[in-house]
Amino acid sequence: MANVLGLYDPLFYAQEALIQLEKSLGMAGRVFRGYDRNPQDKGSTIQIRRPTYFTATDMPAASTDLNPDTVSLVLNNWKGVQFVLTDKDLSFTKEVIIAEHIRPASVAVADAIDATLNALYKDIPWFYDGAATPSDVSDFTGVQKILFDNKVPMDDLHLEICSERQAKYLNLTAFTQYQGAGDQGVSSQMRGALGEKFGFEIFANQNVVQHSTTALTAVTQLQLNAGAAKGATTIAIKDSDGVLAGTIAKGDTLLIAGNTQRYAVTAASVAAANVFTLTITPGLAVAGNTNDNVTLRQADGKNESLGFHRGAFALAMAPLSDLGNQLGAKIATVTDPITGLSLRSRLFYDGINAKVYVSVDALWGVTTLNPNMACRLNS
């Protein structure tokens, strides 16, 4: 027999939680979003549409059929918050105690989503080293220049900064005093937010990641160990004097002599017989030749703030199953068709221990769509 949970409305809780989730998103509110209409399990692979960008050609030109690109994305994050209330708790507070806890539960889910997106910094090969003590706005113009040179559209740019950067920027007259920033400077003093500057919508995020790696030692000159074709995502590198040892971490970056495209290492690699076998992103822009020099960057301990276009990253969510609805639980899943956000609420009763369990959870996956549409701001 199904448990009777009275007037508790899981649909209302799910809708309220979704509203709070969207309000609390940081980086996740500023990336490309897609979703799958069918309920999924953790680990499922779905296809989402990738934003399409065009190149103008001389006219008249032959027409081509539209062929929207898709990208595979694994729903490998299933997280939520669950709390329990006794009959005694509910007898005093009624449903108010549940409603009051939906917001912090939703904020926790939003924080988990943001953390998974911030981990994607490791896919980004581009960087700008921020000033140790900023005295001007060169951090912003430096990041913008890299994105501009990479032909990133300038109409939807965001800059996520860590607490260390925010504290230093808030001390600059260019941001927080009227003579440097006008009315926006006054607003920044009052609100502690930097607002829009230099084409970026700037926001601080507590989930900015600090890169961790171990620098290689006694390296003479890194080189390609063998040729690699254009588009290759696996390369082998060696040391010119044959003594290479150590580990290259996921998120370390490199440059190969002969082209200006930077590459990010997508999986940690340990040297074997003087060779590192590396997977990289993006694929090689030009073919590499044996003994081409390689410059490796290992920025250990750097805060990885990010400047990015919305099309650099993607977040996809899928509705979780409500199969258990009325089978000892009340379940509701809601999805916003505009934003693609999806969240489930569940209520179930433990009759032996006289407790009501309240759960809010979500299923999502993240991916990097285009590593050339973002730039790390190191500090």
Protein backbone atom coordinates (compact mmCIF):
# COMPACT_ATOMS: atom_id res chain seq x y z
CA MET A 1 0.00 0.00 0.00
CA ALA A 2 1.36 3.41 -0.94
CA ASN A 3 2.29 5.76 1.88
CA VAL A 4 -0.01 8.72 2.40
CA LEU A 5 1.91 11.99 2.60
CA GLY A 6 -1.02 14.28 3.00
CA LEU A 7 -1.01 17.59 1.20
CA TYR A 8 2.71 17.64 0.47
CA ASP A 9 3.07 18.66 -3.15
CA PRO A 10 6.28 17.40 -4.81
CA LEU A 11 5.43 19.27 -8.02
CA PHE A 12 5.38 22.56 -6.14
CA TYR A 13 8.69 21.75 -4.47
CA ALA A 14 10.25 20.77 -7.80
CA GLN A 15 9.07 23.97 -9.46
CA GLU A 16 10.29 26.11 -6.58
CA ALA A 17 13.61 24.25 -6.55
CA LEU A 18 14.04 24.81 -10.30
CA ILE A 19 13.50 28.56 -9.84
CA GLN A 20 16.10 28.66 -7.08
CA LEU A 21 18.47 26.51 -9.12
CA GLU A 22 18.41 28.91 -12.06
CA LYS A 23 18.93 31.93 -9.80
CA SER A 24 21.96 30.33 -8.18
CA LEU A 25 23.83 29.24 -11.30
CA GLY A 26 27.17 30.97 -11.89
CA MET A 27 29.16 29.61 -14.80
CA ALA A 28 26.33 27.18 -15.57
CA GLY A 29 24.03 30.08 -16.32
CA ARG A 30 26.41 31.39 -18.98
CA VAL A 31 27.18 28.36 -21.16
CA PHE A 32 25.36 26.66 -24.02
CA ARG A 33 22.61 24.41 -22.69
CA GLY A 34 20.83 21.41 -24.10
CA TYR A 35 18.73 18.62 -22.71
CA ASP A 36 17.25 15.26 -23.54
CA ARG A 37 13.51 14.82 -23.26
CA ASN A 38 13.69 11.17 -22.24
CA PRO A 39 14.44 10.03 -18.69
CA GLN A 40 18.01 8.81 -18.45
CA ASP A 41 20.26 6.86 -16.13
CA LYS A 42 23.62 8.01 -14.83
CA GLY A 43 26.22 7.12 -17.45
CA SER A 44 23.87 7.48 -20.42
CA THR A 45 25.26 9.14 -23.55
CA ILE A 46 23.04 11.68 -25.27
CA GLN A 47 23.38 13.86 -28.35
CA ILE A 48 22.93 17.63 -28.13
CA ARG A 49 23.07 20.16 -30.93
CA ARG A 50 26.31 22.11 -31.18
CA PRO A 51 26.04 25.84 -31.99
CA THR A 52 26.73 26.43 -35.68
CA TYR A 53 29.07 29.15 -36.98
CA PHE A 54 29.38 30.10 -40.65
CA THR A 55 32.07 31.51 -42.94
CA ALA A 56 31.07 34.00 -45.61
CA THR A 57 32.17 33.20 -49.20
CA ASP A 58 32.15 35.06 -52.50
CA MET A 59 28.71 35.37 -54.06
CA PRO A 60 27.01 34.01 -55.98
CA ALA A 61 27.77 30.83 -54.08
CA ALA A 62 26.46 27.30 -54.25
CA SER A 63 23.90 26.59 -51.56
CA THR A 64 24.63 23.88 -49.05
CA ASP A 65 22.20 21.88 -46.96
CA LEU A 66 22.02 22.67 -43.29
CA ASN A 67 23.57 19.86 -41.31
CA PRO A 68 23.39 20.79 -37.62
CA ASP A 69 26.36 19.40 -35.76
CA THR A 70 25.83 17.28 -32.67
CA VAL A 71 28.12 16.35 -29.84
CA SER A 72 27.99 13.29 -27.60
CA LEU A 73 27.73 14.08 -23.93
CA VAL A 74 27.76 11.64 -21.00
CA LEU A 75 25.30 12.20 -18.17
CA ASN A 76 27.81 11.26 -15.50
CA ASN A 77 26.76 13.56 -12.68
CA TRP A 78 23.81 12.57 -10.49
CA LYS A 79 23.77 14.60 -7.33
CA GLY A 80 21.25 15.94 -4.90
CA VAL A 81 20.35 16.77 -1.33
CA GLN A 82 18.23 14.67 0.99
CA PHE A 83 17.01 15.59 4.46
CA VAL A 84 14.70 13.93 6.95
CA LEU A 85 11.99 15.27 9.23
CA THR A 86 10.28 13.46 12.06
CA ASP A 87 6.55 13.50 12.72
CA LYS A 88 7.33 15.68 15.73
CA ASP A 89 9.14 18.21 13.52
CA LEU A 90 6.23 18.35 11.13
CA SER A 91 3.61 18.59 13.84
CA PHE A 92 5.09 21.94 14.90
CA THR A 93 6.12 23.36 11.55
CA LYS A 94 3.76 21.74 9.01
CA GLU A 95 4.98 22.14 5.41
CA VAL A 96 6.80 25.39 6.12
CA ILE A 97 9.98 23.61 7.19
CA ILE A 98 10.14 21.75 3.87
CA ALA A 99 9.55 24.87 1.80
CA GLU A 100 12.24 26.76 3.72
CA HIS A 101 14.82 24.09 3.01
CA ILE A 102 14.12 23.76 -0.72
CA ARG A 103 16.15 26.86 -1.53
CA PRO A 104 19.41 25.84 0.21
CA ALA A 105 19.04 22.32 -1.21
CA SER A 106 18.72 23.78 -4.71
CA VAL A 107 21.70 26.09 -4.16
CA ALA A 108 23.79 23.05 -3.24
CA VAL A 109 22.81 21.33 -6.51
CA ALA A 110 23.65 24.52 -8.47
CA ASP A 111 27.02 24.64 -6.74
CA ALA A 112 27.74 21.03 -7.75
CA ILE A 113 26.83 21.79 -11.38
CA ASP A 114 29.14 24.81 -11.39
CA ALA A 115 31.99 22.76 -9.94
CA THR A 116 31.79 20.24 -12.81
CA LEU A 117 31.83 23.05 -15.38
CA ASN A 118 34.82 24.74 -13.78
CA ALA A 119 36.77 21.50 -14.04
CA LEU A 120 36.59 21.92 -17.84
CA TYR A 121 39.32 24.59 -17.62
CA LYS A 122 41.71 21.67 -18.21
CA ASP A 123 40.50 21.50 -21.83
CA ILE A 124 41.53 25.10 -22.50
CA PRO A 125 45.01 25.56 -24.00
CA TRP A 126 45.05 29.36 -23.97
CA PHE A 127 46.14 31.46 -21.01
CA TYR A 128 47.01 34.96 -19.90
CA ASP A 129 49.15 35.48 -16.79
CA GLY A 130 47.46 38.06 -14.61
CA ALA A 131 49.53 40.67 -12.80
CA ALA A 132 50.53 39.71 -9.25
CA THR A 133 49.31 43.11 -8.12
CA PRO A 134 47.07 44.62 -10.82
CA SER A 135 47.60 48.34 -11.30
CA ASP A 136 45.57 48.69 -14.49
CA VAL A 137 43.12 46.78 -16.69
CA SER A 138 45.68 44.76 -18.66
CA ASP A 139 44.31 41.44 -17.33
CA PHE A 140 41.04 42.11 -19.12
CA THR A 141 42.46 43.49 -22.32
CA GLY A 142 44.99 40.64 -22.42
CA VAL A 143 42.32 37.94 -22.20
CA GLN A 144 40.13 39.79 -24.69
CA LYS A 145 43.01 40.03 -27.19
CA ILE A 146 43.57 36.27 -27.11
CA LEU A 147 39.86 35.59 -27.72
CA PHE A 148 39.73 38.25 -30.44
CA ASP A 149 42.77 36.80 -32.21
CA ASN A 150 41.12 33.37 -32.07
CA LYS A 151 38.16 34.89 -33.97
CA VAL A 152 35.76 34.34 -31.09
CA PRO A 153 32.47 36.26 -31.52
CA MET A 154 32.56 39.32 -29.27
CA ASP A 155 28.85 39.44 -28.53
CA ASP A 156 28.45 36.96 -25.64
CA LEU A 157 31.61 37.03 -23.53
CA HIS A 158 31.89 36.23 -19.84
CA LEU A 159 34.76 36.43 -17.38
CA GLU A 160 34.64 34.29 -14.28
CA ILE A 161 37.12 35.34 -11.61
CA CYS A 162 38.33 33.87 -8.33
CA SER A 163 38.14 35.65 -4.96
CA GLU A 164 41.80 36.70 -5.18
CA ARG A 165 41.24 38.49 -8.51
CA GLN A 166 37.98 40.06 -7.37
CA ALA A 167 39.53 41.49 -4.23
CA LYS A 168 42.35 43.08 -6.23
CA TYR A 169 40.14 44.45 -9.01
CA LEU A 170 37.78 46.03 -6.48
CA ASN A 171 40.72 48.13 -5.34
CA LEU A 172 41.27 49.62 -8.80
CA THR A 173 39.84 53.04 -9.62
CA ALA A 174 38.97 51.70 -13.07
CA PHE A 175 36.26 49.64 -11.43
CA THR A 176 35.12 51.14 -8.17
CA GLN A 177 35.54 54.91 -8.28
CA TYR A 178 33.50 57.41 -10.20
CA GLN A 179 36.51 59.11 -11.81
CA GLY A 180 37.56 55.80 -13.31
CA ALA A 181 34.28 53.99 -13.91
CA GLY A 182 31.47 56.55 -13.67
CA ASP A 183 28.16 55.40 -12.22
CA GLN A 184 29.21 51.75 -12.57
CA GLY A 185 32.08 52.43 -10.18
CA VAL A 186 29.66 53.72 -7.57
CA SER A 187 27.49 50.66 -8.09
CA SER A 188 30.52 48.37 -7.70
CA GLN A 189 31.36 50.01 -4.38
CA MET A 190 27.82 49.43 -3.14
CA ARG A 191 27.30 45.91 -4.46
CA GLY A 192 30.83 44.48 -4.55
CA ALA A 193 30.28 43.33 -8.15
CA LEU A 194 32.35 44.44 -11.13
CA GLY A 195 29.55 44.37 -13.72
CA GLU A 196 30.32 44.68 -17.43
CA LYS A 197 33.75 45.80 -18.56
CA PHE A 198 35.75 45.52 -21.78
CA GLY A 199 33.15 43.36 -23.47
CA PHE A 200 32.91 40.88 -20.58
CA GLU A 201 30.08 40.19 -18.21
CA ILE A 202 32.26 39.74 -15.11
CA PHE A 203 31.24 37.54 -12.20
CA ALA A 204 33.02 36.02 -9.23
CA ASN A 205 32.68 32.32 -8.50
CA GLN A 206 33.77 30.32 -5.46
CA ASN A 207 34.30 27.23 -7.63
CA VAL A 208 37.28 28.54 -9.62
CA VAL A 209 39.87 25.75 -9.62
CA GLN A 210 43.57 25.91 -8.74
CA HIS A 211 45.69 23.87 -11.14
CA SER A 212 47.88 21.14 -9.67
CA THR A 213 50.81 19.56 -11.49
CA THR A 214 54.42 18.50 -10.94
CA ALA A 215 57.07 20.24 -12.99
CA LEU A 216 59.40 18.09 -15.06
CA THR A 217 63.07 18.35 -14.13
CA ALA A 218 66.35 17.98 -16.03
CA VAL A 219 64.69 18.50 -19.39
CA THR A 220 66.96 19.59 -22.24
CA GLN A 221 64.47 20.07 -25.09
CA LEU A 222 61.07 18.43 -25.53
CA GLN A 223 60.39 17.25 -29.08
CA LEU A 224 57.88 15.22 -31.04
CA ASN A 225 59.00 11.61 -30.93
CA ALA A 226 57.27 10.86 -34.25
CA GLY A 227 55.32 12.66 -36.93
CA ALA A 228 51.61 13.24 -36.39
CA ALA A 229 48.91 13.96 -38.96
CA LYS A 230 46.79 17.09 -39.05
CA GLY A 231 43.77 16.55 -36.79
CA ALA A 232 45.53 13.97 -34.59
CA THR A 233 44.54 14.03 -30.92
CA THR A 234 47.39 11.76 -29.75
CA ILE A 235 51.06 12.71 -29.91
CA ALA A 236 54.29 11.33 -28.45
CA ILE A 237 56.99 13.61 -27.09
CA LYS A 238 60.54 12.90 -25.94
CA ASP A 239 63.51 14.73 -24.48
CA SER A 240 66.33 15.44 -26.92
CA ASP A 241 68.97 13.85 -24.64
CA GLY A 242 66.93 10.77 -23.73
CA VAL A 243 66.42 11.20 -19.96
CA LEU A 244 62.74 12.13 -19.78
CA ALA A 245 60.91 11.12 -16.59
CA GLY A 246 57.96 12.29 -14.48
CA THR A 247 54.29 13.05 -15.07
CA ILE A 248 52.42 15.50 -17.27
CA ALA A 249 49.06 16.34 -15.70
CA LYS A 250 45.68 16.76 -17.32
CA GLY A 251 45.32 20.46 -17.95
CA ASP A 252 48.99 21.16 -18.69
CA THR A 253 49.38 22.89 -22.05
CA LEU A 254 51.89 22.89 -24.88
CA LEU A 255 52.95 24.56 -28.10
CA ILE A 256 54.57 22.80 -31.07
CA ALA A 257 57.07 24.72 -33.19
CA GLY A 258 55.73 25.59 -36.61
CA ASN A 259 52.20 26.70 -35.68
CA THR A 260 50.59 29.09 -33.23
CA GLN A 261 47.78 26.82 -32.04
CA ARG A 262 48.11 25.85 -28.38
CA TYR A 263 47.02 22.44 -27.07
CA ALA A 264 45.76 21.17 -23.71
CA VAL A 265 46.58 17.72 -22.33
CA THR A 266 43.33 15.82 -21.69
CA ALA A 267 44.67 12.90 -19.62
CA ALA A 268 47.60 12.50 -17.25
CA SER A 269 50.61 10.69 -18.70
CA VAL A 270 53.68 9.09 -17.12
CA ALA A 271 56.95 8.95 -19.05
CA ALA A 272 58.03 5.52 -20.28
CA ALA A 273 61.38 4.93 -21.99
CA ASN A 274 61.91 8.68 -22.49
CA VAL A 275 58.47 9.17 -24.10
CA PHE A 276 55.20 10.74 -23.04
CA THR A 277 52.14 9.63 -25.00
CA LEU A 278 49.67 12.50 -24.74
CA THR A 279 46.05 13.03 -25.72
CA ILE A 280 45.40 16.65 -26.61
CA THR A 281 42.67 19.07 -27.55
CA PRO A 282 42.02 20.43 -30.10
CA GLY A 283 43.35 18.12 -32.80
CA LEU A 284 46.57 19.22 -34.47
CA ALA A 285 46.03 22.32 -36.59
CA VAL A 286 48.92 21.30 -38.86
CA ALA A 287 50.85 18.06 -39.24
CA GLY A 288 53.77 17.62 -36.88
CA ASN A 289 57.22 16.28 -37.82
CA THR A 290 59.67 14.15 -35.88
CA ASN A 291 61.92 16.32 -33.68
CA ASP A 292 59.67 19.39 -33.88
CA ASN A 293 60.36 21.32 -30.67
CA VAL A 294 57.64 21.30 -28.00
CA THR A 295 57.20 23.94 -25.29
CA LEU A 296 55.37 22.60 -22.22
CA ARG A 297 53.63 24.84 -19.68
CA GLN A 298 52.89 23.51 -16.20
CA ALA A 299 51.23 26.24 -14.14
CA ASP A 300 51.17 24.59 -10.72
CA GLY A 301 49.20 26.44 -8.05
CA LYS A 302 47.63 28.93 -10.47
CA ASN A 303 44.01 29.99 -9.98
CA GLU A 304 42.26 29.24 -13.25
CA SER A 305 39.79 32.07 -13.80
CA LEU A 306 38.15 31.84 -17.22
CA GLY A 307 37.20 34.23 -19.98
CA PHE A 308 34.86 32.49 -22.40
CA HIS A 309 32.14 32.72 -25.01
CA ARG A 310 28.86 30.97 -24.30
CA GLY A 311 29.65 28.51 -27.09
CA ALA A 312 32.86 27.27 -25.44
CA PHE A 313 31.15 24.88 -23.03
CA ALA A 314 27.88 22.99 -22.77
CA LEU A 315 25.68 21.79 -19.93
CA ALA A 316 23.03 19.17 -20.66
CA MET A 317 20.42 17.89 -18.25
CA ALA A 318 17.90 15.06 -18.50
CA PRO A 319 14.73 14.38 -16.54
CA LEU A 320 15.10 11.73 -13.85
CA SER A 321 12.55 8.95 -13.65
CA ASP A 322 9.34 9.37 -11.66
CA LEU A 323 8.52 5.67 -11.88
CA GLY A 324 8.22 5.36 -8.12
CA ASN A 325 5.45 7.96 -7.97
CA GLN A 326 2.66 6.75 -5.68
CA LEU A 327 4.60 3.53 -4.96
CA GLY A 328 5.50 4.57 -1.47
CA ALA A 329 6.67 7.99 -2.60
CA LYS A 330 5.49 11.19 -4.24
CA ILE A 331 7.74 12.26 -7.09
CA ALA A 332 7.70 15.15 -9.54
CA THR A 333 10.21 16.07 -12.25
CA VAL A 334 10.08 19.47 -13.93
CA THR A 335 12.01 20.69 -16.96
CA ASP A 336 12.23 24.23 -18.30
CA PRO A 337 12.05 23.89 -22.12
CA ILE A 338 13.76 27.27 -22.56
CA THR A 339 16.83 26.77 -20.37
CA GLY A 340 16.99 22.97 -20.48
CA LEU A 341 17.25 22.83 -16.69
CA SER A 342 15.65 19.76 -15.11
CA LEU A 343 15.20 18.82 -11.47
CA ARG A 344 13.32 16.19 -9.46
CA SER A 345 11.78 16.31 -5.99
CA ARG A 346 10.77 13.25 -3.98
CA LEU A 347 8.96 12.73 -0.70
CA PHE A 348 8.68 9.36 0.97
CA TYR A 349 7.64 8.19 4.42
CA ASP A 350 9.33 5.75 6.78
CA GLY A 351 6.41 4.44 8.80
CA ILE A 352 8.53 2.38 11.21
CA ASN A 353 10.62 5.37 12.28
CA ALA A 354 7.90 7.99 11.67
CA LYS A 355 10.04 10.13 9.37
CA VAL A 356 9.45 11.97 6.10
CA TYR A 357 12.39 12.10 3.68
CA VAL A 358 12.69 15.01 1.27
CA SER A 359 15.05 14.77 -1.71
CA VAL A 360 16.02 17.16 -4.51
CA ASP A 361 18.30 15.81 -7.26
CA ALA A 362 19.45 16.36 -10.84
CA LEU A 363 21.23 14.48 -13.60
CA TRP A 364 23.60 16.31 -15.91
CA GLY A 365 26.69 16.20 -18.07
CA VAL A 366 29.14 18.85 -19.23
CA THR A 367 31.57 19.10 -22.12
CA THR A 368 33.88 21.52 -23.89
CA LEU A 369 32.48 22.43 -27.30
CA ASN A 370 35.35 24.56 -28.56
CA PRO A 371 38.58 25.01 -26.55
CA ASN A 372 39.59 27.97 -28.71
CA MET A 373 36.62 29.99 -27.45
CA ALA A 374 37.96 30.34 -23.90
CA CYS A 375 41.08 31.61 -22.18
CA ARG A 376 42.44 30.99 -18.70
CA LEU A 377 43.29 33.99 -16.57
CA ASN A 378 46.10 32.67 -14.34
CA SER A 379 46.91 34.22 -11.00
